[in-house]
Each structure stands twice: as structure tokens, then as C-alpha cells.
Amino acid sequence: MILESDPAFEIVAEGCSGEEALDLSERWMPDLILMDIQMPGMGGLEATKQLKERYPYLKVVMVTVSDDIVHLFDALKKGAQGYLLKNLNPQAWHEYLKAIVVDEAPMTRELAFRILKEMSPVGVDEYYVSPLTSREQEILGLVAKGLSNKDISVQLDISEHTVKNHLKNILQKLHLENRVQLARYAYEQGWMGRR
């Protein structure tokens, strides 16, 4: 109901189980799937994993009433690009999902904080050589702190377009798909502590 009111979205199918999600995705080849975590039969996490294996380009956003950090991490590990709580303001849904579709969705500051709090840089190799330039590492650290492209451009005094190009390069070099994975990677490598 939230998305039907927005002409930017076209709802092509609805399913009630993970199995239906797989069948409908094969039939309709959608750009974006909103996936519930709890469903009868195959759950949303397993369905997301199978969908991403079959269709890596597909964007999956988990939609749930639970803000349990374990669910969040499971969803990211299975390949989800985002995580929405059902009680969010409908306008926030529109903005967030449009940003997901064009790979520009920033993490909320709360989400960034929770990820950083849960992650530990134990075992970071002190001799690790980053494939990123110093500017790219600087941008990566700001993404991990939850800053949007606009916030980063203001803080570094560069254009938003330049920030976007840096992010594309970073994602390509690190073989990652989205900002959430990027933030997690930055923290796992211990770059947050080195900044």
C-alpha cells in the first residue's frame, strides 16, 4: 500500500513464502524485492540467499518488525542490500528504496552505530596493504560512520559527484555491493581505529 501511491514504483507480484519469492522472481525478474524475514515455509533469509545466488543484480530489502541486530547481520550475510522496519514513516520508505535502487542509500546513524558496536577488529593483519588510495580510505571511514554522500562532500570540500565516483571505485576494488557491506568491511579491517 505504501509503494502503490508512488509512480516511481510498479508492483508486479506479491508472495507469501520464500518459495513463492523464488518462483515469482524467475517469472517477473524484478529490480527490487521487499522480503519479510518471517514467512511460512522457506523464510526470508534463506530465500534472499538463494535469490542472490541466482540473480546477483537483484536488490533485496528486508522488511520486518524486529530490530534485532542478529537478524540484521543475517540479512546482510545473505546478500540483502537494506533493512526496513515496518513501523517507519512511509515517506522514509520511499526515499530509502529509491536510494537503494540507484546504489546511494546511506545507512542511518543508528544502524552504523549498531554495526560498529557489534563488530570487532580482532585479528586485523598489521601488514595488510589497502588497495585504496588515502582519499578513498578517508571516504570509506566517513561512510562507516553513517554519513551521506552530501555530508561527505561538505566535510571533505569536494563535489557530491566526486564522492559518488570514489564510492564506485571503492566498491569495485573491494568487490562489495553496497554501503552497508562497505561500512562492515571498513570496521573489520580496523580502518576506523586508524583514522
N, C-alpha and C. Protein backbone atom coordinates (compact mmCIF):
# COMPACT_ATOMS: atom_id res chain seq x y z
N MET A 1 0.83 -1.20 0.00
CA MET A 1 0.00 0.00 0.00
C MET A 1 0.87 1.26 0.00
N ILE A 2 1.97 1.21 0.74
CA ILE A 2 2.86 2.38 0.81
C ILE A 2 3.42 2.71 -0.57
N LEU A 3 3.84 1.70 -1.31
CA LEU A 3 4.52 1.95 -2.59
C LEU A 3 3.55 2.20 -3.75
N GLU A 4 2.34 1.68 -3.66
CA GLU A 4 1.38 1.87 -4.75
C GLU A 4 1.08 3.34 -5.01
N SER A 5 1.23 4.17 -3.99
CA SER A 5 0.93 5.60 -4.15
C SER A 5 2.06 6.36 -4.85
N ASP A 6 3.18 5.71 -5.09
CA ASP A 6 4.34 6.37 -5.69
C ASP A 6 4.53 5.87 -7.12
N PRO A 7 4.41 6.76 -8.13
CA PRO A 7 4.55 6.33 -9.52
C PRO A 7 5.95 5.82 -9.88
N ALA A 8 6.92 6.05 -9.01
CA ALA A 8 8.28 5.55 -9.28
C ALA A 8 8.35 4.03 -9.14
N PHE A 9 7.37 3.45 -8.46
CA PHE A 9 7.37 2.00 -8.24
C PHE A 9 6.21 1.34 -8.96
N GLU A 10 6.48 0.17 -9.51
CA GLU A 10 5.42 -0.65 -10.09
C GLU A 10 5.45 -2.00 -9.38
N ILE A 11 4.36 -2.34 -8.71
CA ILE A 11 4.27 -3.62 -8.01
C ILE A 11 3.90 -4.67 -9.04
N VAL A 12 4.78 -5.66 -9.26
CA VAL A 12 4.50 -6.68 -10.28
C VAL A 12 4.00 -7.99 -9.69
N ALA A 13 4.28 -8.24 -8.40
CA ALA A 13 3.86 -9.51 -7.81
C ALA A 13 3.95 -9.44 -6.30
N GLU A 14 3.18 -10.30 -5.64
CA GLU A 14 3.24 -10.46 -4.19
C GLU A 14 3.22 -11.94 -3.87
N GLY A 15 4.03 -12.34 -2.89
CA GLY A 15 4.06 -13.74 -2.48
C GLY A 15 3.99 -13.83 -0.97
N CYS A 16 3.74 -15.02 -0.47
CA CYS A 16 3.58 -15.22 0.98
C CYS A 16 4.64 -16.14 1.57
N SER A 17 5.56 -16.65 0.75
CA SER A 17 6.58 -17.57 1.27
C SER A 17 7.86 -17.39 0.48
N GLY A 18 8.93 -17.95 1.02
CA GLY A 18 10.21 -17.90 0.30
C GLY A 18 10.13 -18.62 -1.03
N GLU A 19 9.42 -19.75 -1.06
CA GLU A 19 9.28 -20.49 -2.32
C GLU A 19 8.59 -19.65 -3.38
N GLU A 20 7.53 -18.93 -2.96
CA GLU A 20 6.84 -18.05 -3.91
C GLU A 20 7.76 -16.93 -4.39
N ALA A 21 8.57 -16.41 -3.49
CA ALA A 21 9.51 -15.34 -3.87
C ALA A 21 10.44 -15.82 -4.98
N LEU A 22 10.93 -17.06 -4.86
CA LEU A 22 11.82 -17.62 -5.89
C LEU A 22 11.08 -17.78 -7.22
N ASP A 23 9.87 -18.36 -7.17
CA ASP A 23 9.08 -18.57 -8.40
C ASP A 23 8.73 -17.25 -9.06
N LEU A 24 8.24 -16.30 -8.27
CA LEU A 24 7.83 -15.00 -8.83
C LEU A 24 9.01 -14.22 -9.38
N SER A 25 10.16 -14.33 -8.75
CA SER A 25 11.35 -13.63 -9.23
C SER A 25 11.78 -14.17 -10.58
N GLU A 26 11.70 -15.49 -10.75
CA GLU A 26 12.06 -16.09 -12.03
C GLU A 26 11.09 -15.65 -13.12
N ARG A 27 9.82 -15.52 -12.76
CA ARG A 27 8.80 -15.15 -13.74
C ARG A 27 8.87 -13.67 -14.11
N TRP A 28 9.04 -12.79 -13.12
CA TRP A 28 8.95 -11.34 -13.34
C TRP A 28 10.29 -10.63 -13.45
N MET A 29 11.35 -11.21 -12.95
CA MET A 29 12.68 -10.58 -12.97
C MET A 29 12.63 -9.13 -12.45
N PRO A 30 12.20 -8.94 -11.22
CA PRO A 30 12.07 -7.57 -10.69
C PRO A 30 13.43 -6.94 -10.40
N ASP A 31 13.42 -5.62 -10.23
CA ASP A 31 14.64 -4.89 -9.86
C ASP A 31 14.85 -4.91 -8.35
N LEU A 32 13.73 -4.94 -7.62
CA LEU A 32 13.78 -4.80 -6.16
C LEU A 32 12.75 -5.74 -5.52
N ILE A 33 13.15 -6.38 -4.44
CA ILE A 33 12.23 -7.24 -3.69
C ILE A 33 12.21 -6.77 -2.24
N LEU A 34 11.00 -6.62 -1.70
CA LEU A 34 10.83 -6.38 -0.27
C LEU A 34 10.53 -7.74 0.34
N MET A 35 11.41 -8.19 1.22
CA MET A 35 11.34 -9.56 1.74
C MET A 35 11.09 -9.54 3.25
N ASP A 36 10.06 -10.24 3.65
CA ASP A 36 9.80 -10.40 5.09
C ASP A 36 10.74 -11.47 5.62
N ILE A 37 11.21 -11.32 6.84
CA ILE A 37 12.09 -12.33 7.43
C ILE A 37 11.29 -13.57 7.83
N GLN A 38 10.16 -13.35 8.50
CA GLN A 38 9.34 -14.46 8.99
C GLN A 38 8.22 -14.75 8.00
N MET A 39 8.27 -15.95 7.38
CA MET A 39 7.22 -16.38 6.46
C MET A 39 7.01 -17.87 6.63
N PRO A 40 5.82 -18.36 6.26
CA PRO A 40 5.62 -19.81 6.30
C PRO A 40 6.50 -20.49 5.25
N GLY A 41 6.87 -21.73 5.51
CA GLY A 41 7.75 -22.44 4.58
C GLY A 41 9.15 -21.87 4.67
N MET A 42 9.77 -21.67 3.51
CA MET A 42 11.12 -21.10 3.47
C MET A 42 11.07 -19.65 3.96
N GLY A 43 11.90 -19.31 4.93
CA GLY A 43 11.93 -17.95 5.47
C GLY A 43 12.61 -16.97 4.52
N GLY A 44 12.50 -15.72 4.86
CA GLY A 44 13.04 -14.66 4.01
C GLY A 44 14.55 -14.65 3.89
N LEU A 45 15.25 -15.06 4.95
CA LEU A 45 16.72 -15.06 4.90
C LEU A 45 17.23 -16.10 3.91
N GLU A 46 16.68 -17.32 3.97
CA GLU A 46 17.10 -18.37 3.04
C GLU A 46 16.69 -18.02 1.60
N ALA A 47 15.49 -17.45 1.45
CA ALA A 47 15.04 -17.05 0.11
C ALA A 47 15.97 -15.98 -0.46
N THR A 48 16.39 -15.04 0.37
CA THR A 48 17.31 -13.99 -0.07
C THR A 48 18.63 -14.59 -0.53
N LYS A 49 19.15 -15.52 0.24
CA LYS A 49 20.41 -16.18 -0.12
C LYS A 49 20.30 -16.85 -1.49
N GLN A 50 19.21 -17.60 -1.70
CA GLN A 50 19.04 -18.30 -2.98
C GLN A 50 18.81 -17.33 -4.13
N LEU A 51 18.05 -16.27 -3.87
CA LEU A 51 17.83 -15.27 -4.92
C LEU A 51 19.13 -14.60 -5.34
N LYS A 52 19.97 -14.23 -4.38
CA LYS A 52 21.23 -13.55 -4.70
C LYS A 52 22.19 -14.49 -5.43
N GLU A 53 22.12 -15.79 -5.14
CA GLU A 53 22.95 -16.75 -5.87
C GLU A 53 22.50 -16.84 -7.32
N ARG A 54 21.19 -16.81 -7.55
CA ARG A 54 20.65 -16.92 -8.91
C ARG A 54 20.73 -15.61 -9.68
N TYR A 55 20.42 -14.51 -9.00
CA TYR A 55 20.32 -13.19 -9.65
C TYR A 55 21.12 -12.16 -8.84
N PRO A 56 22.44 -12.13 -8.98
CA PRO A 56 23.27 -11.23 -8.16
C PRO A 56 22.89 -9.74 -8.29
N TYR A 57 22.34 -9.34 -9.43
CA TYR A 57 21.98 -7.93 -9.65
C TYR A 57 20.77 -7.51 -8.82
N LEU A 58 19.95 -8.47 -8.42
CA LEU A 58 18.70 -8.19 -7.74
C LEU A 58 18.94 -7.49 -6.41
N LYS A 59 18.13 -6.50 -6.11
CA LYS A 59 18.25 -5.80 -4.83
C LYS A 59 17.15 -6.31 -3.90
N VAL A 60 17.56 -6.72 -2.71
CA VAL A 60 16.61 -7.25 -1.72
C VAL A 60 16.69 -6.39 -0.46
N VAL A 61 15.53 -5.93 -0.02
CA VAL A 61 15.45 -5.17 1.22
C VAL A 61 14.56 -5.96 2.19
N MET A 62 15.10 -6.26 3.35
CA MET A 62 14.35 -6.99 4.35
C MET A 62 13.39 -6.03 5.05
N VAL A 63 12.16 -6.48 5.24
CA VAL A 63 11.14 -5.68 5.91
C VAL A 63 10.65 -6.48 7.11
N THR A 64 10.75 -5.89 8.29
CA THR A 64 10.43 -6.65 9.50
C THR A 64 10.00 -5.73 10.63
N VAL A 65 9.36 -6.30 11.63
CA VAL A 65 9.02 -5.54 12.83
C VAL A 65 10.17 -5.61 13.83
N SER A 66 11.10 -6.52 13.61
CA SER A 66 12.19 -6.75 14.56
C SER A 66 13.41 -5.90 14.24
N ASP A 67 13.96 -5.25 15.27
CA ASP A 67 15.23 -4.54 15.05
C ASP A 67 16.37 -5.31 15.71
N ASP A 68 16.20 -6.62 15.82
CA ASP A 68 17.21 -7.49 16.41
C ASP A 68 18.47 -7.46 15.54
N ILE A 69 19.60 -7.12 16.14
CA ILE A 69 20.85 -7.00 15.41
C ILE A 69 21.26 -8.31 14.75
N VAL A 70 20.87 -9.44 15.34
CA VAL A 70 21.19 -10.74 14.76
C VAL A 70 20.50 -10.89 13.41
N HIS A 71 19.22 -10.47 13.33
CA HIS A 71 18.50 -10.53 12.06
C HIS A 71 19.16 -9.63 11.02
N LEU A 72 19.57 -8.46 11.47
CA LEU A 72 20.24 -7.52 10.56
C LEU A 72 21.49 -8.15 9.96
N PHE A 73 22.36 -8.72 10.79
CA PHE A 73 23.59 -9.32 10.29
C PHE A 73 23.31 -10.52 9.41
N ASP A 74 22.33 -11.34 9.78
CA ASP A 74 21.97 -12.48 8.95
C ASP A 74 21.53 -12.01 7.57
N ALA A 75 20.71 -10.97 7.53
CA ALA A 75 20.22 -10.44 6.26
C ALA A 75 21.38 -9.95 5.39
N LEU A 76 22.33 -9.24 5.98
CA LEU A 76 23.48 -8.74 5.22
C LEU A 76 24.35 -9.88 4.72
N LYS A 77 24.55 -10.89 5.56
CA LYS A 77 25.36 -12.04 5.14
C LYS A 77 24.72 -12.78 3.97
N LYS A 78 23.40 -12.79 3.93
CA LYS A 78 22.68 -13.49 2.85
C LYS A 78 22.64 -12.66 1.58
N GLY A 79 23.07 -11.39 1.66
CA GLY A 79 23.16 -10.57 0.45
C GLY A 79 22.16 -9.43 0.36
N ALA A 80 21.35 -9.20 1.39
CA ALA A 80 20.38 -8.11 1.34
C ALA A 80 21.09 -6.76 1.23
N GLN A 81 20.47 -5.85 0.50
CA GLN A 81 21.04 -4.51 0.34
C GLN A 81 20.55 -3.55 1.41
N GLY A 82 19.45 -3.90 2.09
CA GLY A 82 18.92 -2.97 3.06
C GLY A 82 18.01 -3.66 4.05
N TYR A 83 17.52 -2.86 4.99
CA TYR A 83 16.76 -3.39 6.12
C TYR A 83 15.79 -2.30 6.55
N LEU A 84 14.49 -2.55 6.43
CA LEU A 84 13.48 -1.56 6.80
C LEU A 84 12.59 -2.10 7.92
N LEU A 85 12.30 -1.25 8.87
CA LEU A 85 11.36 -1.61 9.92
C LEU A 85 9.96 -1.21 9.48
N LYS A 86 8.98 -2.08 9.76
CA LYS A 86 7.61 -1.84 9.30
C LYS A 86 6.98 -0.60 9.91
N ASN A 87 7.49 -0.16 11.07
CA ASN A 87 6.88 1.00 11.72
C ASN A 87 7.47 2.34 11.28
N LEU A 88 8.32 2.34 10.27
CA LEU A 88 8.90 3.59 9.78
C LEU A 88 7.87 4.44 9.06
N ASN A 89 8.09 5.73 9.06
CA ASN A 89 7.27 6.67 8.31
C ASN A 89 7.26 6.27 6.82
N PRO A 90 6.06 6.24 6.17
CA PRO A 90 6.00 5.86 4.75
C PRO A 90 6.91 6.69 3.85
N GLN A 91 7.06 7.99 4.15
CA GLN A 91 7.94 8.84 3.34
C GLN A 91 9.38 8.34 3.41
N ALA A 92 9.78 7.85 4.57
CA ALA A 92 11.14 7.31 4.72
C ALA A 92 11.31 6.08 3.83
N TRP A 93 10.27 5.28 3.70
CA TRP A 93 10.33 4.10 2.82
C TRP A 93 10.63 4.53 1.39
N HIS A 94 9.86 5.50 0.90
CA HIS A 94 10.01 5.97 -0.48
C HIS A 94 11.44 6.43 -0.74
N GLU A 95 11.95 7.30 0.12
CA GLU A 95 13.29 7.86 -0.07
C GLU A 95 14.35 6.76 0.00
N TYR A 96 14.24 5.90 0.99
CA TYR A 96 15.24 4.85 1.19
C TYR A 96 15.26 3.88 0.01
N LEU A 97 14.08 3.43 -0.43
CA LEU A 97 14.03 2.44 -1.51
C LEU A 97 14.49 3.04 -2.84
N LYS A 98 14.18 4.31 -3.08
CA LYS A 98 14.67 4.95 -4.31
C LYS A 98 16.19 5.04 -4.28
N ALA A 99 16.75 5.32 -3.12
CA ALA A 99 18.21 5.38 -2.99
C ALA A 99 18.84 4.00 -3.16
N ILE A 100 18.19 2.96 -2.65
CA ILE A 100 18.68 1.58 -2.81
C ILE A 100 18.78 1.22 -4.28
N VAL A 101 17.75 1.58 -5.04
CA VAL A 101 17.69 1.22 -6.46
C VAL A 101 18.87 1.82 -7.23
N VAL A 102 19.32 3.02 -6.84
CA VAL A 102 20.44 3.66 -7.55
C VAL A 102 21.75 3.55 -6.77
N ASP A 103 21.80 2.61 -5.81
CA ASP A 103 23.02 2.34 -5.03
C ASP A 103 23.53 3.54 -4.25
N GLU A 104 22.64 4.36 -3.73
CA GLU A 104 23.07 5.53 -2.97
C GLU A 104 22.48 5.58 -1.57
N ALA A 105 21.92 4.47 -1.11
CA ALA A 105 21.25 4.51 0.20
C ALA A 105 22.26 4.61 1.33
N PRO A 106 22.24 5.70 2.08
CA PRO A 106 23.12 5.78 3.24
C PRO A 106 22.54 4.97 4.38
N MET A 107 23.40 4.52 5.26
CA MET A 107 22.91 3.88 6.47
C MET A 107 22.47 4.98 7.43
N THR A 108 21.49 4.66 8.24
CA THR A 108 21.13 5.61 9.29
C THR A 108 22.27 5.63 10.30
N ARG A 109 22.41 6.71 11.03
CA ARG A 109 23.46 6.80 12.04
C ARG A 109 23.28 5.71 13.10
N GLU A 110 22.01 5.41 13.43
CA GLU A 110 21.74 4.37 14.42
C GLU A 110 22.23 3.01 13.92
N LEU A 111 21.97 2.72 12.64
CA LEU A 111 22.41 1.45 12.08
C LEU A 111 23.93 1.37 12.04
N ALA A 112 24.57 2.46 11.63
CA ALA A 112 26.04 2.48 11.60
C ALA A 112 26.60 2.25 13.00
N PHE A 113 26.03 2.90 13.99
CA PHE A 113 26.50 2.75 15.36
C PHE A 113 26.35 1.30 15.82
N ARG A 114 25.20 0.70 15.53
CA ARG A 114 24.96 -0.67 15.99
C ARG A 114 25.92 -1.66 15.31
N ILE A 115 26.19 -1.44 14.04
CA ILE A 115 27.13 -2.32 13.34
C ILE A 115 28.53 -2.18 13.95
N LEU A 116 28.96 -0.95 14.14
CA LEU A 116 30.29 -0.72 14.68
C LEU A 116 30.42 -1.27 16.10
N LYS A 117 29.35 -1.15 16.87
CA LYS A 117 29.37 -1.65 18.24
C LYS A 117 29.50 -3.17 18.27
N GLU A 118 28.86 -3.85 17.33
CA GLU A 118 28.86 -5.32 17.31
C GLU A 118 30.13 -5.91 16.72
N MET A 119 30.77 -5.15 15.83
CA MET A 119 31.94 -5.69 15.13
C MET A 119 33.19 -5.51 15.98
N SER A 120 34.15 -6.39 15.77
CA SER A 120 35.42 -6.29 16.49
C SER A 120 36.55 -6.50 15.50
N PRO A 121 37.57 -5.64 15.51
CA PRO A 121 38.67 -5.79 14.56
C PRO A 121 39.71 -6.81 15.01
N VAL A 122 39.31 -7.80 15.80
CA VAL A 122 40.25 -8.82 16.27
C VAL A 122 40.87 -9.53 15.07
N GLY A 123 42.16 -9.70 15.13
CA GLY A 123 42.85 -10.46 14.08
C GLY A 123 43.21 -9.64 12.86
N VAL A 124 43.11 -8.32 12.95
CA VAL A 124 43.49 -7.49 11.81
C VAL A 124 44.98 -7.64 11.54
N ASP A 125 45.31 -7.88 10.31
CA ASP A 125 46.71 -8.06 9.92
C ASP A 125 47.40 -6.70 9.84
N GLU A 126 48.39 -6.49 10.67
CA GLU A 126 49.08 -5.19 10.71
C GLU A 126 49.83 -4.91 9.40
N TYR A 127 50.10 -5.95 8.62
CA TYR A 127 50.85 -5.76 7.38
C TYR A 127 49.95 -5.71 6.17
N TYR A 128 48.65 -5.63 6.40
CA TYR A 128 47.69 -5.56 5.30
C TYR A 128 47.92 -4.27 4.51
N VAL A 129 48.00 -4.39 3.20
CA VAL A 129 48.16 -3.22 2.34
C VAL A 129 46.83 -2.97 1.64
N SER A 130 46.25 -1.82 1.88
CA SER A 130 44.95 -1.50 1.32
C SER A 130 45.07 -1.22 -0.18
N PRO A 131 44.09 -1.69 -0.96
CA PRO A 131 44.09 -1.36 -2.40
C PRO A 131 43.56 0.05 -2.64
N LEU A 132 43.15 0.73 -1.57
CA LEU A 132 42.53 2.04 -1.71
C LEU A 132 43.54 3.17 -1.53
N THR A 133 43.27 4.28 -2.22
CA THR A 133 44.08 5.49 -2.02
C THR A 133 43.75 6.07 -0.66
N SER A 134 44.56 7.01 -0.20
CA SER A 134 44.30 7.62 1.11
C SER A 134 42.97 8.36 1.10
N ARG A 135 42.61 9.00 -0.01
CA ARG A 135 41.32 9.70 -0.12
C ARG A 135 40.17 8.71 -0.05
N GLU A 136 40.32 7.56 -0.73
CA GLU A 136 39.28 6.53 -0.71
C GLU A 136 39.11 5.97 0.71
N GLN A 137 40.22 5.79 1.41
CA GLN A 137 40.12 5.31 2.79
C GLN A 137 39.42 6.34 3.68
N GLU A 138 39.70 7.61 3.42
CA GLU A 138 39.05 8.68 4.19
C GLU A 138 37.54 8.65 3.97
N ILE A 139 37.12 8.49 2.71
CA ILE A 139 35.70 8.42 2.37
C ILE A 139 35.08 7.17 2.97
N LEU A 140 35.79 6.07 2.91
CA LEU A 140 35.31 4.82 3.49
C LEU A 140 35.04 4.97 4.99
N GLY A 141 35.92 5.63 5.69
CA GLY A 141 35.73 5.86 7.12
C GLY A 141 34.48 6.69 7.40
N LEU A 142 34.20 7.67 6.54
CA LEU A 142 33.02 8.52 6.73
C LEU A 142 31.73 7.76 6.41
N VAL A 143 31.79 6.89 5.41
CA VAL A 143 30.63 6.03 5.10
C VAL A 143 30.34 5.14 6.30
N ALA A 144 31.39 4.59 6.89
CA ALA A 144 31.22 3.69 8.03
C ALA A 144 30.61 4.41 9.23
N LYS A 145 30.79 5.72 9.29
CA LYS A 145 30.20 6.50 10.38
C LYS A 145 28.76 6.91 10.07
N GLY A 146 28.26 6.52 8.89
CA GLY A 146 26.86 6.78 8.56
C GLY A 146 26.61 8.07 7.80
N LEU A 147 27.66 8.73 7.29
CA LEU A 147 27.46 9.98 6.57
C LEU A 147 26.92 9.72 5.17
N SER A 148 26.05 10.60 4.71
CA SER A 148 25.52 10.52 3.34
C SER A 148 26.55 11.10 2.37
N ASN A 149 26.31 10.91 1.07
CA ASN A 149 27.20 11.48 0.06
C ASN A 149 27.30 13.00 0.22
N LYS A 150 26.17 13.64 0.49
CA LYS A 150 26.16 15.09 0.65
C LYS A 150 26.99 15.50 1.86
N ASP A 151 26.81 14.79 2.98
CA ASP A 151 27.58 15.11 4.19
C ASP A 151 29.08 14.95 3.93
N ILE A 152 29.45 13.89 3.23
CA ILE A 152 30.86 13.65 2.92
C ILE A 152 31.41 14.76 2.04
N SER A 153 30.62 15.17 1.03
CA SER A 153 31.10 16.22 0.12
C SER A 153 31.34 17.53 0.87
N VAL A 154 30.47 17.83 1.83
CA VAL A 154 30.63 19.06 2.62
C VAL A 154 31.86 18.94 3.51
N GLN A 155 32.00 17.82 4.19
CA GLN A 155 33.11 17.65 5.13
C GLN A 155 34.47 17.67 4.42
N LEU A 156 34.54 17.08 3.22
CA LEU A 156 35.82 17.00 2.51
C LEU A 156 36.01 18.13 1.49
N ASP A 157 34.97 18.99 1.36
CA ASP A 157 35.02 20.10 0.42
C ASP A 157 35.27 19.63 -1.01
N ILE A 158 34.51 18.59 -1.41
CA ILE A 158 34.55 18.10 -2.79
C ILE A 158 33.10 17.97 -3.26
N SER A 159 32.89 17.82 -4.56
CA SER A 159 31.52 17.74 -5.06
C SER A 159 30.91 16.38 -4.73
N GLU A 160 29.58 16.36 -4.68
CA GLU A 160 28.86 15.12 -4.42
C GLU A 160 29.14 14.11 -5.54
N HIS A 161 29.28 14.62 -6.76
CA HIS A 161 29.60 13.76 -7.90
C HIS A 161 30.95 13.06 -7.70
N THR A 162 31.91 13.79 -7.17
CA THR A 162 33.23 13.20 -6.90
C THR A 162 33.13 12.12 -5.83
N VAL A 163 32.31 12.37 -4.82
CA VAL A 163 32.11 11.36 -3.77
C VAL A 163 31.53 10.09 -4.38
N LYS A 164 30.51 10.24 -5.24
CA LYS A 164 29.89 9.08 -5.88
C LYS A 164 30.91 8.28 -6.70
N ASN A 165 31.76 8.98 -7.43
CA ASN A 165 32.78 8.29 -8.23
C ASN A 165 33.78 7.55 -7.35
N HIS A 166 34.18 8.18 -6.25
CA HIS A 166 35.07 7.49 -5.31
C HIS A 166 34.41 6.23 -4.78
N LEU A 167 33.12 6.33 -4.42
CA LEU A 167 32.41 5.17 -3.87
C LEU A 167 32.32 4.04 -4.89
N LYS A 168 32.08 4.38 -6.15
CA LYS A 168 32.04 3.34 -7.20
C LYS A 168 33.38 2.63 -7.28
N ASN A 169 34.46 3.41 -7.24
CA ASN A 169 35.81 2.82 -7.30
C ASN A 169 36.08 1.93 -6.09
N ILE A 170 35.69 2.41 -4.91
CA ILE A 170 35.91 1.65 -3.68
C ILE A 170 35.17 0.32 -3.74
N LEU A 171 33.88 0.37 -4.11
CA LEU A 171 33.08 -0.86 -4.20
C LEU A 171 33.70 -1.85 -5.18
N GLN A 172 34.16 -1.33 -6.32
CA GLN A 172 34.75 -2.19 -7.34
C GLN A 172 36.06 -2.81 -6.84
N LYS A 173 36.91 -2.01 -6.22
CA LYS A 173 38.20 -2.51 -5.73
C LYS A 173 38.02 -3.57 -4.63
N LEU A 174 37.00 -3.38 -3.79
CA LEU A 174 36.81 -4.29 -2.66
C LEU A 174 35.82 -5.41 -2.97
N HIS A 175 35.28 -5.41 -4.19
CA HIS A 175 34.32 -6.43 -4.61
C HIS A 175 33.12 -6.48 -3.67
N LEU A 176 32.59 -5.30 -3.35
CA LEU A 176 31.42 -5.19 -2.48
C LEU A 176 30.26 -4.61 -3.28
N GLU A 177 29.05 -4.75 -2.72
CA GLU A 177 27.86 -4.35 -3.47
C GLU A 177 27.21 -3.07 -2.98
N ASN A 178 27.35 -2.73 -1.70
CA ASN A 178 26.59 -1.60 -1.19
C ASN A 178 27.27 -0.96 0.02
N ARG A 179 26.69 0.13 0.50
CA ARG A 179 27.27 0.91 1.59
C ARG A 179 27.33 0.15 2.90
N VAL A 180 26.33 -0.69 3.15
CA VAL A 180 26.32 -1.43 4.41
C VAL A 180 27.51 -2.39 4.45
N GLN A 181 27.73 -3.12 3.35
CA GLN A 181 28.88 -4.02 3.28
C GLN A 181 30.18 -3.24 3.39
N LEU A 182 30.18 -2.05 2.80
CA LEU A 182 31.37 -1.19 2.84
C LEU A 182 31.70 -0.79 4.28
N ALA A 183 30.68 -0.39 5.04
CA ALA A 183 30.90 0.01 6.43
C ALA A 183 31.41 -1.17 7.26
N ARG A 184 30.80 -2.32 7.04
CA ARG A 184 31.22 -3.51 7.78
C ARG A 184 32.68 -3.85 7.46
N TYR A 185 33.03 -3.78 6.19
CA TYR A 185 34.39 -4.09 5.75
C TYR A 185 35.40 -3.13 6.39
N ALA A 186 35.05 -1.84 6.40
CA ALA A 186 35.96 -0.83 6.97
C ALA A 186 36.26 -1.15 8.42
N TYR A 187 35.23 -1.52 9.14
CA TYR A 187 35.43 -1.78 10.56
C TYR A 187 36.19 -3.09 10.77
N GLU A 188 35.88 -4.11 9.98
CA GLU A 188 36.57 -5.39 10.11
C GLU A 188 38.08 -5.23 9.86
N GLN A 189 38.43 -4.33 8.95
CA GLN A 189 39.84 -4.11 8.63
C GLN A 189 40.53 -3.21 9.65
N GLY A 190 39.76 -2.67 10.59
CA GLY A 190 40.35 -1.84 11.62
C GLY A 190 40.65 -0.43 11.17
N TRP A 191 40.12 -0.03 9.99
CA TRP A 191 40.42 1.32 9.49
C TRP A 191 39.80 2.40 10.35
N MET A 192 38.69 2.08 11.01
CA MET A 192 38.06 3.10 11.85
C MET A 192 39.02 3.52 12.97
N GLY A 193 39.70 2.57 13.57
CA GLY A 193 40.62 2.88 14.67
C GLY A 193 41.88 3.60 14.20
N ARG A 194 42.20 3.45 12.92
CA ARG A 194 43.45 4.07 12.41
C ARG A 194 43.24 5.49 11.95
N ARG A 195 41.99 5.91 11.81
CA ARG A 195 41.75 7.24 11.25
C ARG A 195 42.11 8.32 12.25
